[in-house]
C-alpha atoms as a PDB file:
ATOM      1  CA  MET A   1      83.530  75.459  92.636  1.00  0.00           C
ATOM      2  CA  LYS A   2      86.074  77.620  94.377  1.00  0.00           C
ATOM      3  CA  SER A   3      83.739  79.757  96.546  1.00  0.00           C
ATOM      4  CA  LEU A   4      81.618  76.825  97.653  1.00  0.00           C
ATOM      5  CA  ASP A   5      84.735  74.790  98.468  1.00  0.00           C
ATOM      6  CA  GLU A   6      86.090  77.689 100.557  1.00  0.00           C
ATOM      7  CA  ILE A   7      82.818  77.976 102.488  1.00  0.00           C
ATOM      8  CA  LYS A   8      82.787  74.226 103.052  1.00  0.00           C
ATOM      9  CA  ARG A   9      86.405  74.242 104.322  1.00  0.00           C
ATOM     10  CA  ARG A  10      85.665  77.086 106.782  1.00  0.00           C
ATOM     11  CA  ALA A  11      82.658  75.186 108.115  1.00  0.00           C
ATOM     12  CA  GLU A  12      84.671  71.976 108.448  1.00  0.00           C
ATOM     13  CA  ARG A  13      87.484  73.751 110.349  1.00  0.00           C
ATOM     14  CA  ALA A  14      85.140  75.464 112.810  1.00  0.00           C
ATOM     15  CA  THR A  15      84.536  74.010 116.267  1.00  0.00           C
ATOM     16  CA  PRO A  16      82.406  70.885 115.730  1.00  0.00           C
ATOM     17  CA  LYS A  17      78.962  70.046 117.103  1.00  0.00           C
ATOM     18  CA  GLU A  18      75.937  72.251 117.523  1.00  0.00           C
ATOM     19  CA  TRP A  19      76.441  75.790 118.873  1.00  0.00           C
ATOM     20  CA  PHE A  20      74.209  77.785 121.227  1.00  0.00           C
ATOM     21  CA  ALA A  21      73.828  81.454 122.118  1.00  0.00           C
ATOM     22  CA  ILE A  22      73.738  82.016 125.874  1.00  0.00           C
ATOM     23  CA  VAL A  23      72.776  85.369 127.379  1.00  0.00           C
ATOM     24  CA  HIS A  24      74.356  85.820 130.807  1.00  0.00           C
ATOM     25  CA  SER A  25      73.220  89.427 131.185  1.00  0.00           C
ATOM     26  CA  PRO A  26      72.403  92.396 128.912  1.00  0.00           C
ATOM     27  CA  LYS A  27      76.161  93.016 128.731  1.00  0.00           C
ATOM     28  CA  VAL A  28      77.485  89.449 128.385  1.00  0.00           C
ATOM     29  CA  VAL A  29      76.614  87.038 125.552  1.00  0.00           C
ATOM     30  CA  GLU A  30      78.450  83.862 124.557  1.00  0.00           C
ATOM     31  CA  VAL A  31      78.319  81.430 121.694  1.00  0.00           C
ATOM     32  CA  CYS A  32      79.073  77.986 123.114  1.00  0.00           C
ATOM     33  CA  ASP A  33      79.652  74.533 121.681  1.00  0.00           C
ATOM     34  CA  GLY A  34      77.474  71.515 122.427  1.00  0.00           C
ATOM     35  CA  GLY A  35      79.292  71.014 125.732  1.00  0.00           C
ATOM     36  CA  TYR A  36      78.558  74.645 126.670  1.00  0.00           C
ATOM     37  CA  LYS A  37      82.214  75.644 126.376  1.00  0.00           C
ATOM     38  CA  PRO A  38      82.516  79.253 125.149  1.00  0.00           C
ATOM     39  CA  ILE A  39      83.621  79.685 121.544  1.00  0.00           C
ATOM     40  CA  ILE A  40      82.945  83.442 121.424  1.00  0.00           C
ATOM     41  CA  HIS A  41      82.488  85.712 124.442  1.00  0.00           C
ATOM     42  CA  TRP A  42      81.193  89.277 124.204  1.00  0.00           C
ATOM     43  CA  ALA A  43      81.168  91.553 127.228  1.00  0.00           C
ATOM     44  CA  GLY A  44      80.475  95.223 127.922  1.00  0.00           C
ATOM     45  CA  PHE A  45      79.072  96.326 124.584  1.00  0.00           C
ATOM     46  CA  ASP A  46      76.153  98.445 125.801  1.00  0.00           C
ATOM     47  CA  SER A  47      76.877 101.260 123.361  1.00  0.00           C
ATOM     48  CA  SER A  48      76.533  99.055 120.268  1.00  0.00           C
ATOM     49  CA  PRO A  49      73.461  99.933 118.167  1.00  0.00           C
ATOM     50  CA  TYR A  50      73.258  96.346 116.904  1.00  0.00           C
ATOM     51  CA  PRO A  51      71.000  93.661 118.434  1.00  0.00           C
ATOM     52  CA  LYS A  52      73.263  91.527 120.609  1.00  0.00           C
ATOM     53  CA  VAL A  53      71.165  88.420 121.175  1.00  0.00           C
ATOM     54  CA  PRO A  54      69.868  88.023 117.570  1.00  0.00           C
ATOM     55  CA  ASN A  55      73.425  88.442 116.267  1.00  0.00           C
ATOM     56  CA  ALA A  56      74.753  85.825 118.703  1.00  0.00           C
ATOM     57  CA  GLU A  57      71.929  83.458 117.742  1.00  0.00           C
ATOM     58  CA  PHE A  58      72.670  83.999 114.040  1.00  0.00           C
ATOM     59  CA  ILE A  59      76.352  83.148 114.574  1.00  0.00           C
ATOM     60  CA  ALA A  60      75.487  80.132 116.710  1.00  0.00           C
ATOM     61  CA  HIS A  61      73.018  78.748 114.168  1.00  0.00           C
ATOM     62  CA  ALA A  62      75.419  79.338 111.274  1.00  0.00           C
ATOM     63  CA  ARG A  63      77.384  76.321 112.573  1.00  0.00           C
ATOM     64  CA  GLN A  64      74.475  74.075 111.599  1.00  0.00           C
ATOM     65  CA  ASP A  65      72.935  76.155 108.811  1.00  0.00           C
ATOM     66  CA  VAL A  66      76.000  76.660 106.598  1.00  0.00           C
ATOM     67  CA  PRO A  67      76.879  72.956 106.186  1.00  0.00           C
ATOM     68  CA  ARG A  68      73.204  72.214 105.430  1.00  0.00           C
ATOM     69  CA  MET A  69      73.057  74.927 102.781  1.00  0.00           C
ATOM     70  CA  VAL A  70      76.312  73.688 101.229  1.00  0.00           C
ATOM     71  CA  LYS A  71      74.770  70.206 100.944  1.00  0.00           C
ATOM     72  CA  VAL A  72      71.664  71.660  99.275  1.00  0.00           C
ATOM     73  CA  ILE A  73      73.765  73.628  96.776  1.00  0.00           C
ATOM     74  CA  GLU A  74      75.892  70.558  96.006  1.00  0.00           C
ATOM     75  CA  TYR A  75      72.727  68.478  95.521  1.00  0.00           C
ATOM     76  CA  LEU A  76      71.149  71.056  93.219  1.00  0.00           C
ATOM     77  CA  MET A  77      74.353  71.356  91.188  1.00  0.00           C
ATOM     78  CA  LYS A  78      74.488  67.559  90.846  1.00  0.00           C
ATOM     79  CA  GLU A  79      70.832  67.490  89.766  1.00  0.00           C
ATOM     80  CA  ALA A  80      71.491  70.261  87.252  1.00  0.00           C
ATOM     81  CA  ASP A  81      74.443  68.291  85.929  1.00  0.00           C
ATOM     82  CA  ASN A  82      72.340  65.142  85.560  1.00  0.00           C
ATOM     83  CA  SER A  83      69.154  66.619  84.163  1.00  0.00           C
ATOM     84  CA  CYS A  84      69.750  69.975  82.536  1.00  0.00           C
ATOM     85  CA  GLY A  85      68.442  68.709  79.179  1.00  0.00           C
ATOM     86  CA  CYS A  86      70.712  71.099  77.307  1.00  0.00           C
ATOM     87  CA  GLU A  87      71.760  68.524  74.721  1.00  0.00           C
ATOM     88  CA  GLU A  88      68.114  68.072  73.731  1.00  0.00           C
ATOM     89  CA  PHE A  89      68.170  71.701  72.594  1.00  0.00           C
ATOM     90  CA  GLY A  90      71.467  71.418  70.757  1.00  0.00           C
ATOM     91  CA  ASN A  91      73.593  73.000  73.477  1.00  0.00           C
ATOM     92  CA  ASN A  92      76.913  71.697  74.715  1.00  0.00           C
ATOM     93  CA  HIS A  93      76.522  70.086  78.164  1.00  0.00           C
ATOM     94  CA  GLU A  94      79.901  71.383  79.374  1.00  0.00           C
ATOM     95  CA  ASP A  95      78.871  74.945  78.501  1.00  0.00           C
ATOM     96  CA  CYS A  96      75.625  74.440  80.416  1.00  0.00           C
ATOM     97  CA  ILE A  97      77.490  73.306  83.549  1.00  0.00           C
ATOM     98  CA  LYS A  98      79.922  76.220  83.270  1.00  0.00           C
ATOM     99  CA  ARG A  99      76.969  78.634  83.118  1.00  0.00           C
ATOM    100  CA  TRP A 100      75.434  77.040  86.248  1.00  0.00           C
ATOM    101  CA  GLU A 101      78.743  77.192  88.121  1.00  0.00           C
ATOM    102  CA  SER A 102      79.304  80.783  87.045  1.00  0.00           C
ATOM    103  CA  LYS A 103      75.813  81.751  88.241  1.00  0.00           C
ATOM    104  CA  VAL A 104      76.311  80.077  91.642  1.00  0.00           C
ATOM    105  CA  GLU A 105      79.773  81.650  92.044  1.00  0.00           C
ATOM    106  CA  SER A 106      78.300  85.052  91.263  1.00  0.00           C
ATOM    107  CA  ILE A 107      75.543  84.588  93.847  1.00  0.00           C
ATOM    108  CA  LEU A 108      78.040  83.366  96.480  1.00  0.00           C
ATOM    109  CA  ALA A 109      80.238  86.391  95.769  1.00  0.00           C
ATOM    110  CA  GLY A 110      77.274  88.691  96.421  1.00  0.00           C
ATOM    111  CA  LYS A 111      77.147  89.970  92.845  1.00  0.00           C
ATOM    112  CA  GLU A 112      73.612  88.692  92.224  1.00  0.00           C
ATOM    113  CA  GLY A 113      70.563  88.224  94.372  1.00  0.00           C
ATOM    114  CA  GLY A 114      69.873  84.734  93.109  1.00  0.00           C
END
């Protein structure tokens, strides 16, 4: 699936290993790799209405979370492919898989809530 493959490629190209959010002060937050080398550095954003630390933690955890979610989606798609049971009801298996892929693509594109 195109969208899932794109997400997977972005995750694979990102800096490897686990990431961490480190708060140096209320004005300085970094997202660092497993060796504590900065990947992203924010400084001097006091006027931002957005929560700095939770946003940094979200970005840091995305490094681990996104590849895990991709694996879950791939597993579920494989299970759907192997056990959809559509042929038992007189439906074409290829059409069933296309419907599943279309549904997942739509969810990944933000068009459906899932």
